[in-house]
Amino acid sequence: MLFGWFGDTLPRIKVEGPRVYLRPPRRSDQKEWLALRRVSRTFLQPFEPAWAADALTPIAYRRRLRRVQDEWQTEIGYGFLIFAVDDDRMLGGITISNVRRGVVQGASIGYWIGEPHRRQGFMFEAVQLALDYCFRNLDLHRVEAACLLDNDASRNLLEKSGFKLEGIAREYLHIDSKWQDHRIFGLLRTDTRPILGGIKSGVAGLARKKG
């Protein structure tokens, strides 16, 4: 798929559920993104790649935004931010990455939630919205996810979302400055998963590739 692009911004997409909605990041999100990441730093760092020295600076946000833009344009990844429906506050982020076509038709998802918004059900809904986008809009067959062995919250979230545990990958990702083992989960389009009512998906300037 190709999307209508507005200057150097990302496509105008909004995937909305009862309590949260997903949309691509914008330059205007910089201040709120930095504030949420700053207040959540201690909470997030054990679950993420080592933060760069400038991780909480405008330069870091612009660098991340350029990467997300490149991935959308090349159709290898689709980065979203998560917002509350009631007041538009930023809650976290979710990314559909490593999209493979052809005989695979698969991708991976990763996510983060700001510490002030944890354990309120927001991420569960965001994951369902992302999965709906994967299977409905991207026509994927399979979605994969990974979590650290001691990340019970993420494991429970994936299992609740219908993912099946497929094994342990040794030293799978370099997280918190060291190679760490991960549980690997998979979900097929045909697997049973929760039904999230009231999903709304809007796309502006949508065009499709020919052939």
N, C-alpha and C. Protein backbone atom coordinates (compact mmCIF):
# COMPACT_ATOMS: atom_id res chain seq x y z
N MET A 1 0.83 -1.19 0.00
CA MET A 1 0.00 0.00 0.00
C MET A 1 0.87 1.25 0.00
N LEU A 2 0.42 2.26 -0.70
CA LEU A 2 1.02 3.57 -0.63
C LEU A 2 0.00 4.51 -0.02
N PHE A 3 0.46 5.45 0.76
CA PHE A 3 -0.46 6.37 1.41
C PHE A 3 -0.20 7.78 0.90
N GLY A 4 -1.21 8.63 1.03
CA GLY A 4 -1.01 10.03 0.73
C GLY A 4 -0.11 10.64 1.80
N TRP A 5 0.91 11.38 1.38
CA TRP A 5 1.85 11.97 2.32
C TRP A 5 1.68 13.48 2.31
N PHE A 6 1.81 14.09 3.47
CA PHE A 6 1.56 15.52 3.63
C PHE A 6 2.87 16.15 4.09
N GLY A 7 3.60 16.76 3.11
CA GLY A 7 4.92 17.28 3.44
C GLY A 7 5.81 16.15 3.88
N ASP A 8 6.47 16.32 5.03
CA ASP A 8 7.35 15.28 5.54
C ASP A 8 6.69 14.51 6.68
N THR A 9 5.37 14.59 6.78
CA THR A 9 4.67 13.92 7.86
C THR A 9 4.24 12.52 7.43
N LEU A 10 3.77 11.75 8.40
CA LEU A 10 3.30 10.40 8.14
C LEU A 10 1.84 10.42 7.69
N PRO A 11 1.35 9.31 7.14
CA PRO A 11 -0.04 9.29 6.65
C PRO A 11 -1.04 9.53 7.77
N ARG A 12 -2.16 10.08 7.41
CA ARG A 12 -3.20 10.42 8.38
C ARG A 12 -4.08 9.19 8.61
N ILE A 13 -3.64 8.38 9.55
CA ILE A 13 -4.36 7.16 9.88
C ILE A 13 -4.73 7.21 11.35
N LYS A 14 -5.93 6.75 11.65
CA LYS A 14 -6.37 6.65 13.03
C LYS A 14 -7.14 5.36 13.19
N VAL A 15 -6.69 4.51 14.11
CA VAL A 15 -7.37 3.25 14.41
C VAL A 15 -7.90 3.38 15.83
N GLU A 16 -9.20 3.40 15.98
CA GLU A 16 -9.81 3.77 17.26
C GLU A 16 -10.62 2.63 17.86
N GLY A 17 -10.45 2.42 19.15
CA GLY A 17 -11.25 1.48 19.92
C GLY A 17 -12.08 2.23 20.95
N PRO A 18 -12.67 1.51 21.89
CA PRO A 18 -13.52 2.15 22.90
C PRO A 18 -12.77 3.14 23.80
N ARG A 19 -11.52 2.82 24.16
CA ARG A 19 -10.81 3.65 25.13
C ARG A 19 -9.53 4.26 24.59
N VAL A 20 -8.92 3.65 23.58
CA VAL A 20 -7.66 4.17 23.04
C VAL A 20 -7.73 4.22 21.52
N TYR A 21 -6.83 5.02 20.96
CA TYR A 21 -6.67 5.01 19.50
C TYR A 21 -5.19 5.06 19.15
N LEU A 22 -4.88 4.56 17.97
CA LEU A 22 -3.52 4.54 17.45
C LEU A 22 -3.44 5.49 16.26
N ARG A 23 -2.33 6.19 16.17
CA ARG A 23 -2.02 6.96 14.97
C ARG A 23 -0.51 7.12 14.86
N PRO A 24 0.00 7.35 13.65
CA PRO A 24 1.44 7.56 13.49
C PRO A 24 1.89 8.82 14.24
N PRO A 25 3.14 8.86 14.66
CA PRO A 25 3.65 10.04 15.38
C PRO A 25 3.75 11.26 14.47
N ARG A 26 3.72 12.42 15.09
CA ARG A 26 3.86 13.69 14.39
C ARG A 26 4.95 14.52 15.06
N ARG A 27 5.42 15.51 14.32
CA ARG A 27 6.42 16.40 14.92
C ARG A 27 5.88 17.10 16.15
N SER A 28 4.58 17.39 16.15
CA SER A 28 3.96 18.09 17.27
C SER A 28 3.85 17.23 18.53
N ASP A 29 4.13 15.92 18.42
CA ASP A 29 4.08 15.03 19.58
C ASP A 29 5.37 15.08 20.41
N GLN A 30 6.35 15.79 19.94
CA GLN A 30 7.69 15.74 20.55
C GLN A 30 7.67 16.05 22.05
N LYS A 31 7.06 17.13 22.43
CA LYS A 31 7.09 17.55 23.84
C LYS A 31 6.43 16.51 24.74
N GLU A 32 5.27 16.00 24.34
CA GLU A 32 4.56 15.04 25.18
C GLU A 32 5.30 13.70 25.22
N TRP A 33 5.87 13.28 24.07
CA TRP A 33 6.63 12.04 24.01
C TRP A 33 7.83 12.09 24.95
N LEU A 34 8.58 13.19 24.90
CA LEU A 34 9.75 13.33 25.76
C LEU A 34 9.34 13.35 27.23
N ALA A 35 8.26 14.03 27.57
CA ALA A 35 7.82 14.09 28.96
C ALA A 35 7.40 12.71 29.47
N LEU A 36 6.68 11.95 28.64
CA LEU A 36 6.23 10.63 29.07
C LEU A 36 7.40 9.66 29.20
N ARG A 37 8.32 9.72 28.27
CA ARG A 37 9.50 8.86 28.35
C ARG A 37 10.37 9.23 29.55
N ARG A 38 10.45 10.51 29.85
CA ARG A 38 11.27 10.97 30.98
C ARG A 38 10.71 10.46 32.30
N VAL A 39 9.41 10.59 32.50
CA VAL A 39 8.82 10.16 33.76
C VAL A 39 8.79 8.63 33.88
N SER A 40 8.93 7.93 32.75
CA SER A 40 8.85 6.47 32.75
C SER A 40 10.21 5.80 32.59
N ARG A 41 11.27 6.57 32.64
CA ARG A 41 12.60 6.04 32.32
C ARG A 41 12.98 4.82 33.18
N THR A 42 12.88 4.95 34.47
CA THR A 42 13.28 3.84 35.36
C THR A 42 12.42 2.61 35.10
N PHE A 43 11.16 2.81 34.81
CA PHE A 43 10.24 1.70 34.54
C PHE A 43 10.55 1.01 33.22
N LEU A 44 10.91 1.78 32.19
CA LEU A 44 11.07 1.23 30.84
C LEU A 44 12.44 0.64 30.56
N GLN A 45 13.47 1.22 31.13
CA GLN A 45 14.83 0.82 30.75
C GLN A 45 15.13 -0.68 30.86
N PRO A 46 14.64 -1.40 31.87
CA PRO A 46 14.95 -2.84 31.94
C PRO A 46 14.37 -3.65 30.79
N PHE A 47 13.43 -3.09 30.03
CA PHE A 47 12.75 -3.85 28.98
C PHE A 47 13.11 -3.36 27.58
N GLU A 48 14.03 -2.41 27.46
CA GLU A 48 14.33 -1.82 26.16
C GLU A 48 15.83 -1.87 25.88
N PRO A 49 16.21 -1.72 24.59
CA PRO A 49 17.64 -1.55 24.28
C PRO A 49 18.20 -0.37 25.06
N ALA A 50 19.49 -0.41 25.31
CA ALA A 50 20.13 0.66 26.09
C ALA A 50 19.81 2.03 25.51
N TRP A 51 19.40 2.94 26.38
CA TRP A 51 19.07 4.28 25.93
C TRP A 51 20.34 5.05 25.56
N ALA A 52 20.30 5.78 24.46
CA ALA A 52 21.42 6.63 24.07
C ALA A 52 21.55 7.77 25.06
N ALA A 53 22.73 8.39 25.08
CA ALA A 53 22.97 9.49 26.01
C ALA A 53 22.00 10.65 25.78
N ASP A 54 21.55 10.81 24.53
CA ASP A 54 20.64 11.91 24.21
C ASP A 54 19.20 11.42 24.05
N ALA A 55 18.85 10.32 24.70
CA ALA A 55 17.55 9.69 24.49
C ALA A 55 16.37 10.58 24.84
N LEU A 56 16.58 11.56 25.70
CA LEU A 56 15.48 12.42 26.13
C LEU A 56 15.63 13.85 25.61
N THR A 57 16.13 13.95 24.39
CA THR A 57 16.33 15.26 23.76
C THR A 57 15.50 15.34 22.48
N PRO A 58 15.21 16.57 22.03
CA PRO A 58 14.48 16.73 20.76
C PRO A 58 15.19 16.04 19.59
N ILE A 59 16.51 16.01 19.60
CA ILE A 59 17.24 15.33 18.53
C ILE A 59 16.87 13.86 18.47
N ALA A 60 16.77 13.22 19.64
CA ALA A 60 16.42 11.80 19.68
C ALA A 60 15.02 11.58 19.13
N TYR A 61 14.09 12.46 19.46
CA TYR A 61 12.73 12.30 18.94
C TYR A 61 12.71 12.45 17.42
N ARG A 62 13.42 13.46 16.91
CA ARG A 62 13.43 13.65 15.47
C ARG A 62 14.09 12.48 14.77
N ARG A 63 15.12 11.92 15.38
CA ARG A 63 15.78 10.74 14.81
C ARG A 63 14.81 9.56 14.74
N ARG A 64 14.07 9.36 15.80
CA ARG A 64 13.10 8.27 15.81
C ARG A 64 12.00 8.52 14.79
N LEU A 65 11.54 9.75 14.69
CA LEU A 65 10.48 10.08 13.74
C LEU A 65 10.92 9.82 12.30
N ARG A 66 12.16 10.16 11.98
CA ARG A 66 12.68 9.89 10.63
C ARG A 66 12.71 8.40 10.35
N ARG A 67 13.10 7.61 11.35
CA ARG A 67 13.14 6.16 11.15
C ARG A 67 11.74 5.60 10.92
N VAL A 68 10.78 6.09 11.69
CA VAL A 68 9.40 5.63 11.51
C VAL A 68 8.90 6.03 10.12
N GLN A 69 9.20 7.24 9.68
CA GLN A 69 8.79 7.68 8.35
C GLN A 69 9.40 6.79 7.27
N ASP A 70 10.68 6.47 7.40
CA ASP A 70 11.35 5.62 6.42
C ASP A 70 10.70 4.24 6.35
N GLU A 71 10.36 3.70 7.51
CA GLU A 71 9.77 2.36 7.54
C GLU A 71 8.37 2.35 6.93
N TRP A 72 7.59 3.39 7.20
CA TRP A 72 6.27 3.47 6.56
C TRP A 72 6.42 3.55 5.05
N GLN A 73 7.34 4.37 4.58
CA GLN A 73 7.49 4.57 3.14
C GLN A 73 7.98 3.30 2.44
N THR A 74 8.85 2.56 3.08
CA THR A 74 9.36 1.33 2.48
C THR A 74 8.51 0.11 2.81
N GLU A 75 7.49 0.31 3.64
CA GLU A 75 6.51 -0.72 3.99
C GLU A 75 7.13 -1.91 4.73
N ILE A 76 8.16 -1.62 5.53
CA ILE A 76 8.76 -2.68 6.34
C ILE A 76 8.37 -2.54 7.81
N GLY A 77 7.73 -1.43 8.16
CA GLY A 77 7.34 -1.22 9.54
C GLY A 77 6.30 -0.12 9.64
N TYR A 78 5.49 -0.19 10.71
CA TYR A 78 4.40 0.75 10.89
C TYR A 78 4.36 1.14 12.37
N GLY A 79 4.90 2.32 12.67
CA GLY A 79 4.96 2.79 14.05
C GLY A 79 3.75 3.64 14.41
N PHE A 80 3.19 3.38 15.58
CA PHE A 80 2.05 4.14 16.08
C PHE A 80 2.33 4.64 17.49
N LEU A 81 1.70 5.74 17.85
CA LEU A 81 1.59 6.15 19.24
C LEU A 81 0.19 5.81 19.72
N ILE A 82 0.05 5.65 21.03
CA ILE A 82 -1.22 5.27 21.64
C ILE A 82 -1.76 6.46 22.43
N PHE A 83 -3.03 6.77 22.23
CA PHE A 83 -3.65 7.90 22.92
C PHE A 83 -4.98 7.49 23.54
N ALA A 84 -5.36 8.17 24.60
CA ALA A 84 -6.66 7.95 25.23
C ALA A 84 -7.74 8.65 24.42
N VAL A 85 -8.85 7.96 24.21
CA VAL A 85 -9.95 8.53 23.46
C VAL A 85 -10.56 9.73 24.17
N ASP A 86 -10.66 9.65 25.50
CA ASP A 86 -11.41 10.68 26.22
C ASP A 86 -10.74 12.04 26.27
N ASP A 87 -9.39 12.07 26.32
CA ASP A 87 -8.73 13.37 26.45
C ASP A 87 -7.48 13.52 25.59
N ASP A 88 -7.22 12.56 24.69
CA ASP A 88 -6.10 12.62 23.74
C ASP A 88 -4.72 12.62 24.39
N ARG A 89 -4.63 12.19 25.66
CA ARG A 89 -3.31 12.13 26.26
C ARG A 89 -2.54 10.92 25.72
N MET A 90 -1.23 11.10 25.57
CA MET A 90 -0.38 10.03 25.06
C MET A 90 -0.17 8.98 26.15
N LEU A 91 -0.32 7.70 25.76
CA LEU A 91 -0.19 6.60 26.72
C LEU A 91 1.05 5.75 26.50
N GLY A 92 1.52 5.67 25.27
CA GLY A 92 2.66 4.81 24.95
C GLY A 92 2.82 4.67 23.46
N GLY A 93 3.41 3.55 23.03
CA GLY A 93 3.63 3.33 21.61
C GLY A 93 3.56 1.86 21.26
N ILE A 94 3.28 1.57 20.00
CA ILE A 94 3.24 0.20 19.51
C ILE A 94 3.73 0.19 18.07
N THR A 95 4.54 -0.80 17.73
CA THR A 95 5.15 -0.85 16.41
C THR A 95 4.95 -2.22 15.78
N ILE A 96 4.54 -2.20 14.53
CA ILE A 96 4.52 -3.40 13.69
C ILE A 96 5.81 -3.35 12.87
N SER A 97 6.71 -4.30 13.10
CA SER A 97 8.04 -4.21 12.50
C SER A 97 8.41 -5.48 11.74
N ASN A 98 9.51 -5.38 11.01
CA ASN A 98 10.06 -6.54 10.29
C ASN A 98 9.00 -7.23 9.44
N VAL A 99 8.26 -6.43 8.68
CA VAL A 99 7.21 -6.99 7.82
C VAL A 99 7.84 -7.76 6.67
N ARG A 100 7.45 -9.02 6.52
CA ARG A 100 7.96 -9.87 5.45
C ARG A 100 6.79 -10.31 4.59
N ARG A 101 6.99 -10.21 3.29
CA ARG A 101 5.94 -10.57 2.35
C ARG A 101 6.26 -11.92 1.70
N GLY A 102 5.60 -12.21 0.58
CA GLY A 102 5.86 -13.46 -0.13
C GLY A 102 5.33 -14.66 0.64
N VAL A 103 6.20 -15.64 0.83
CA VAL A 103 5.76 -16.89 1.47
C VAL A 103 5.61 -16.75 2.98
N VAL A 104 6.01 -15.61 3.53
CA VAL A 104 5.93 -15.42 4.99
C VAL A 104 4.66 -14.68 5.38
N GLN A 105 4.44 -13.50 4.83
CA GLN A 105 3.30 -12.65 5.18
C GLN A 105 3.20 -12.49 6.70
N GLY A 106 4.32 -12.09 7.30
CA GLY A 106 4.36 -11.98 8.75
C GLY A 106 5.04 -10.71 9.21
N ALA A 107 4.97 -10.45 10.51
CA ALA A 107 5.59 -9.28 11.13
C ALA A 107 5.73 -9.53 12.62
N SER A 108 6.41 -8.62 13.29
CA SER A 108 6.55 -8.65 14.75
C SER A 108 5.91 -7.40 15.32
N ILE A 109 5.46 -7.49 16.58
CA ILE A 109 4.98 -6.29 17.24
C ILE A 109 5.77 -6.09 18.53
N GLY A 110 5.95 -4.84 18.86
CA GLY A 110 6.56 -4.45 20.12
C GLY A 110 5.81 -3.25 20.67
N TYR A 111 5.89 -3.02 21.97
CA TYR A 111 5.08 -1.97 22.57
C TYR A 111 5.70 -1.47 23.86
N TRP A 112 5.30 -0.27 24.25
CA TRP A 112 5.69 0.28 25.56
C TRP A 112 4.53 1.13 26.08
N ILE A 113 4.41 1.16 27.38
CA ILE A 113 3.37 1.97 28.03
C ILE A 113 4.03 2.89 29.04
N GLY A 114 3.60 4.13 29.10
CA GLY A 114 4.12 5.04 30.10
C GLY A 114 3.77 4.57 31.50
N GLU A 115 4.69 4.72 32.43
CA GLU A 115 4.45 4.21 33.78
C GLU A 115 3.16 4.74 34.41
N PRO A 116 2.78 6.00 34.21
CA PRO A 116 1.55 6.47 34.84
C PRO A 116 0.30 5.77 34.33
N HIS A 117 0.40 5.06 33.22
CA HIS A 117 -0.78 4.47 32.59
C HIS A 117 -0.77 2.94 32.61
N ARG A 118 0.16 2.36 33.32
CA ARG A 118 0.25 0.90 33.36
C ARG A 118 -0.91 0.31 34.18
N ARG A 119 -1.17 -0.97 33.90
CA ARG A 119 -2.17 -1.75 34.65
C ARG A 119 -3.57 -1.12 34.64
N GLN A 120 -3.92 -0.50 33.52
CA GLN A 120 -5.26 0.07 33.38
C GLN A 120 -5.99 -0.47 32.16
N GLY A 121 -5.40 -1.48 31.51
CA GLY A 121 -6.04 -2.11 30.36
C GLY A 121 -5.82 -1.41 29.04
N PHE A 122 -5.07 -0.31 29.05
CA PHE A 122 -4.86 0.43 27.81
C PHE A 122 -4.07 -0.38 26.78
N MET A 123 -3.00 -1.05 27.24
CA MET A 123 -2.16 -1.76 26.29
C MET A 123 -2.87 -2.97 25.70
N PHE A 124 -3.70 -3.63 26.48
CA PHE A 124 -4.45 -4.76 25.93
C PHE A 124 -5.29 -4.29 24.74
N GLU A 125 -5.99 -3.19 24.91
CA GLU A 125 -6.80 -2.68 23.81
C GLU A 125 -5.93 -2.25 22.63
N ALA A 126 -4.81 -1.60 22.91
CA ALA A 126 -3.92 -1.16 21.83
C ALA A 126 -3.39 -2.34 21.02
N VAL A 127 -3.06 -3.43 21.70
CA VAL A 127 -2.58 -4.62 20.99
C VAL A 127 -3.67 -5.18 20.09
N GLN A 128 -4.93 -5.19 20.55
CA GLN A 128 -6.00 -5.69 19.71
C GLN A 128 -6.19 -4.82 18.48
N LEU A 129 -6.05 -3.52 18.64
CA LEU A 129 -6.16 -2.61 17.50
C LEU A 129 -5.03 -2.86 16.51
N ALA A 130 -3.81 -3.06 17.02
CA ALA A 130 -2.67 -3.31 16.14
C ALA A 130 -2.83 -4.63 15.40
N LEU A 131 -3.32 -5.65 16.10
CA LEU A 131 -3.53 -6.94 15.45
C LEU A 131 -4.60 -6.84 14.37
N ASP A 132 -5.66 -6.10 14.65
CA ASP A 132 -6.70 -5.90 13.65
C ASP A 132 -6.10 -5.22 12.41
N TYR A 133 -5.22 -4.25 12.62
CA TYR A 133 -4.58 -3.57 11.51
C TYR A 133 -3.67 -4.53 10.73
N CYS A 134 -2.96 -5.39 11.45
CA CYS A 134 -2.09 -6.37 10.79
C CYS A 134 -2.87 -7.30 9.87
N PHE A 135 -3.95 -7.85 10.38
CA PHE A 135 -4.68 -8.87 9.62
C PHE A 135 -5.65 -8.26 8.61
N ARG A 136 -6.24 -7.12 8.94
CA ARG A 136 -7.25 -6.53 8.06
C ARG A 136 -6.61 -5.62 7.02
N ASN A 137 -5.72 -4.72 7.45
CA ASN A 137 -5.16 -3.72 6.54
C ASN A 137 -3.89 -4.18 5.84
N LEU A 138 -3.04 -4.91 6.54
CA LEU A 138 -1.78 -5.36 5.95
C LEU A 138 -1.86 -6.76 5.37
N ASP A 139 -2.97 -7.44 5.58
CA ASP A 139 -3.20 -8.78 5.03
C ASP A 139 -2.10 -9.76 5.44
N LEU A 140 -1.72 -9.73 6.71
CA LEU A 140 -0.69 -10.63 7.20
C LEU A 140 -1.30 -11.97 7.61
N HIS A 141 -0.46 -12.98 7.61
CA HIS A 141 -0.87 -14.32 8.02
C HIS A 141 -0.47 -14.62 9.46
N ARG A 142 0.63 -14.00 9.91
CA ARG A 142 1.20 -14.35 11.21
C ARG A 142 1.83 -13.12 11.85
N VAL A 143 1.67 -13.00 13.16
CA VAL A 143 2.31 -11.94 13.93
C VAL A 143 3.06 -12.58 15.08
N GLU A 144 4.28 -12.13 15.29
CA GLU A 144 5.13 -12.66 16.36
C GLU A 144 5.38 -11.59 17.41
N ALA A 145 5.69 -12.02 18.62
CA ALA A 145 6.05 -11.12 19.70
C ALA A 145 7.02 -11.84 20.63
N ALA A 146 7.82 -11.08 21.34
CA ALA A 146 8.79 -11.66 22.27
C ALA A 146 8.77 -10.88 23.56
N CYS A 147 9.04 -11.57 24.67
CA CYS A 147 9.16 -10.87 25.94
C CYS A 147 10.22 -11.54 26.80
N LEU A 148 10.83 -10.76 27.67
CA LEU A 148 11.82 -11.28 28.59
C LEU A 148 11.22 -12.35 29.48
N LEU A 149 12.05 -13.28 29.93
CA LEU A 149 11.55 -14.40 30.72
C LEU A 149 10.86 -13.97 32.00
N ASP A 150 11.30 -12.86 32.58
CA ASP A 150 10.70 -12.41 33.85
C ASP A 150 9.66 -11.31 33.67
N ASN A 151 9.27 -11.05 32.43
CA ASN A 151 8.26 -10.00 32.18
C ASN A 151 6.87 -10.63 32.19
N ASP A 152 6.36 -10.87 33.39
CA ASP A 152 5.07 -11.55 33.53
C ASP A 152 3.93 -10.72 32.96
N ALA A 153 4.00 -9.40 33.07
CA ALA A 153 2.91 -8.56 32.58
C ALA A 153 2.78 -8.69 31.06
N SER A 154 3.90 -8.67 30.36
CA SER A 154 3.85 -8.80 28.91
C SER A 154 3.43 -10.20 28.49
N ARG A 155 3.92 -11.21 29.19
CA ARG A 155 3.52 -12.59 28.88
C ARG A 155 2.01 -12.77 29.05
N ASN A 156 1.47 -12.25 30.14
CA ASN A 156 0.03 -12.37 30.38
C ASN A 156 -0.76 -11.62 29.32
N LEU A 157 -0.27 -10.46 28.92
CA LEU A 157 -0.94 -9.68 27.88
C LEU A 157 -1.01 -10.46 26.57
N LEU A 158 0.12 -11.05 26.18
CA LEU A 158 0.15 -11.80 24.92
C LEU A 158 -0.75 -13.02 24.97
N GLU A 159 -0.71 -13.74 26.07
CA GLU A 159 -1.57 -14.92 26.19
C GLU A 159 -3.05 -14.53 26.18
N LYS A 160 -3.39 -13.45 26.85
CA LYS A 160 -4.77 -12.95 26.87
C LYS A 160 -5.21 -12.52 25.47
N SER A 161 -4.25 -12.09 24.65
CA SER A 161 -4.54 -11.63 23.30
C SER A 161 -4.63 -12.76 22.29
N GLY A 162 -4.40 -14.00 22.73
CA GLY A 162 -4.52 -15.15 21.85
C GLY A 162 -3.21 -15.71 21.34
N PHE A 163 -2.09 -15.08 21.68
CA PHE A 163 -0.79 -15.58 21.24
C PHE A 163 -0.49 -16.93 21.88
N LYS A 164 0.23 -17.76 21.15
CA LYS A 164 0.65 -19.06 21.66
C LYS A 164 2.16 -19.05 21.90
N LEU A 165 2.57 -19.57 23.06
CA LEU A 165 3.99 -19.68 23.36
C LEU A 165 4.61 -20.74 22.45
N GLU A 166 5.67 -20.37 21.74
CA GLU A 166 6.28 -21.28 20.78
C GLU A 166 7.69 -21.72 21.18
N GLY A 167 8.25 -21.13 22.22
CA GLY A 167 9.56 -21.57 22.66
C GLY A 167 10.37 -20.45 23.29
N ILE A 168 11.60 -20.78 23.61
CA ILE A 168 12.54 -19.84 24.21
C ILE A 168 13.67 -19.60 23.21
N ALA A 169 13.96 -18.35 22.93
CA ALA A 169 15.07 -17.99 22.05
C ALA A 169 16.22 -17.49 22.91
N ARG A 170 17.34 -18.18 22.83
CA ARG A 170 18.48 -17.82 23.66
C ARG A 170 19.13 -16.53 23.16
N GLU A 171 19.43 -15.62 24.13
CA GLU A 171 20.10 -14.35 23.83
C GLU A 171 19.51 -13.71 22.57
N TYR A 172 18.19 -13.58 22.58
CA TYR A 172 17.45 -13.18 21.38
C TYR A 172 17.61 -11.70 21.04
N LEU A 173 17.58 -10.84 22.08
CA LEU A 173 17.69 -9.41 21.86
C LEU A 173 18.65 -8.79 22.87
N HIS A 174 19.28 -7.69 22.45
CA HIS A 174 20.21 -6.96 23.32
C HIS A 174 19.41 -5.92 24.08
N ILE A 175 18.97 -6.27 25.28
CA ILE A 175 18.09 -5.44 26.09
C ILE A 175 18.80 -5.01 27.36
N ASP A 176 18.66 -3.73 27.70
CA ASP A 176 19.27 -3.20 28.91
C ASP A 176 20.76 -3.52 28.96
N SER A 177 21.42 -3.36 27.81
CA SER A 177 22.89 -3.48 27.66
C SER A 177 23.41 -4.92 27.76
N LYS A 178 22.54 -5.91 27.58
CA LYS A 178 23.04 -7.30 27.58
C LYS A 178 22.13 -8.19 26.75
N TRP A 179 22.72 -9.24 26.16
CA TRP A 179 21.94 -10.21 25.41
C TRP A 179 21.09 -11.03 26.39
N GLN A 180 19.79 -11.11 26.08
CA GLN A 180 18.89 -11.77 27.02
C GLN A 180 17.97 -12.77 26.30
N ASP A 181 17.68 -13.87 27.00
CA ASP A 181 16.74 -14.87 26.48
C ASP A 181 15.32 -14.28 26.48
N HIS A 182 14.52 -14.73 25.52
CA HIS A 182 13.14 -14.26 25.40
C HIS A 182 12.19 -15.43 25.15
N ARG A 183 10.97 -15.28 25.63
CA ARG A 183 9.89 -16.16 25.22
C ARG A 183 9.38 -15.67 23.86
N ILE A 184 9.15 -16.59 22.94
CA ILE A 184 8.65 -16.26 21.61
C ILE A 184 7.19 -16.71 21.49
N PHE A 185 6.36 -15.78 21.06
CA PHE A 185 4.93 -16.05 20.89
C PHE A 185 4.53 -15.83 19.43
N GLY A 186 3.52 -16.56 18.99
CA GLY A 186 3.01 -16.38 17.63
C GLY A 186 1.49 -16.39 17.61
N LEU A 187 0.94 -15.65 16.67
CA LEU A 187 -0.51 -15.59 16.48
C LEU A 187 -0.79 -15.65 14.99
N LEU A 188 -1.65 -16.56 14.57
CA LEU A 188 -2.05 -16.68 13.18
C LEU A 188 -3.37 -15.96 12.96
N ARG A 189 -3.58 -15.54 11.73
CA ARG A 189 -4.84 -14.89 11.37
C ARG A 189 -6.04 -15.77 11.76
N THR A 190 -5.88 -17.09 11.65
CA THR A 190 -6.98 -18.02 11.90
C THR A 190 -7.13 -18.40 13.37
N ASP A 191 -6.21 -17.94 14.24
CA ASP A 191 -6.31 -18.27 15.66
C ASP A 191 -7.45 -17.50 16.31
N THR A 192 -7.99 -18.07 17.37
CA THR A 192 -9.02 -17.39 18.15
C THR A 192 -8.38 -16.29 18.99
N ARG A 193 -8.95 -15.11 18.95
CA ARG A 193 -8.45 -14.00 19.76
C ARG A 193 -9.63 -13.15 20.21
N PRO A 194 -9.41 -12.30 21.21
CA PRO A 194 -10.52 -11.49 21.73
C PRO A 194 -11.13 -10.60 20.65
N ILE A 195 -12.42 -10.41 20.73
CA ILE A 195 -13.13 -9.51 19.82
C ILE A 195 -13.29 -8.17 20.52
N LEU A 196 -12.73 -7.14 19.92
CA LEU A 196 -12.82 -5.80 20.48
C LEU A 196 -13.86 -5.03 19.69
N GLY A 197 -14.97 -4.73 20.31
CA GLY A 197 -16.05 -4.04 19.62
C GLY A 197 -15.74 -2.58 19.38
N GLY A 198 -16.36 -2.01 18.38
CA GLY A 198 -16.27 -0.58 18.13
C GLY A 198 -14.97 -0.11 17.51
N ILE A 199 -14.26 -0.97 16.78
CA ILE A 199 -13.03 -0.55 16.13
C ILE A 199 -13.37 0.34 14.94
N LYS A 200 -12.73 1.50 14.89
CA LYS A 200 -12.90 2.42 13.76
C LYS A 200 -11.54 2.66 13.14
N SER A 201 -11.47 2.57 11.82
CA SER A 201 -10.20 2.78 11.13
C SER A 201 -10.39 3.79 10.02
N GLY A 202 -9.66 4.88 10.10
CA GLY A 202 -9.76 5.92 9.08
C GLY A 202 -8.41 6.17 8.43
N VAL A 203 -8.37 6.27 7.11
CA VAL A 203 -7.13 6.51 6.38
C VAL A 203 -7.38 7.61 5.38
N ALA A 204 -6.55 8.66 5.42
CA ALA A 204 -6.68 9.74 4.45
C ALA A 204 -5.66 9.57 3.35
N GLY A 205 -6.07 9.86 2.13
CA GLY A 205 -5.13 9.84 1.01
C GLY A 205 -4.64 8.47 0.65
N LEU A 206 -5.47 7.43 0.79
CA LEU A 206 -5.03 6.07 0.54
C LEU A 206 -5.01 5.75 -0.94
N ALA A 207 -3.89 5.21 -1.38
CA ALA A 207 -3.78 4.71 -2.76
C ALA A 207 -3.12 3.35 -2.69
N ARG A 208 -3.40 2.50 -3.63
CA ARG A 208 -2.82 1.15 -3.62
C ARG A 208 -1.88 0.97 -4.80
N LYS A 209 -0.86 0.13 -4.56
CA LYS A 209 0.06 -0.21 -5.63
C LYS A 209 -0.67 -0.97 -6.73
N LYS A 210 -0.27 -0.75 -7.95
CA LYS A 210 -0.83 -1.52 -9.06
C LYS A 210 0.00 -2.77 -9.28
N GLY A 211 -0.68 -3.84 -9.65
CA GLY A 211 0.04 -5.06 -9.95
C GLY A 211 0.29 -5.90 -8.71
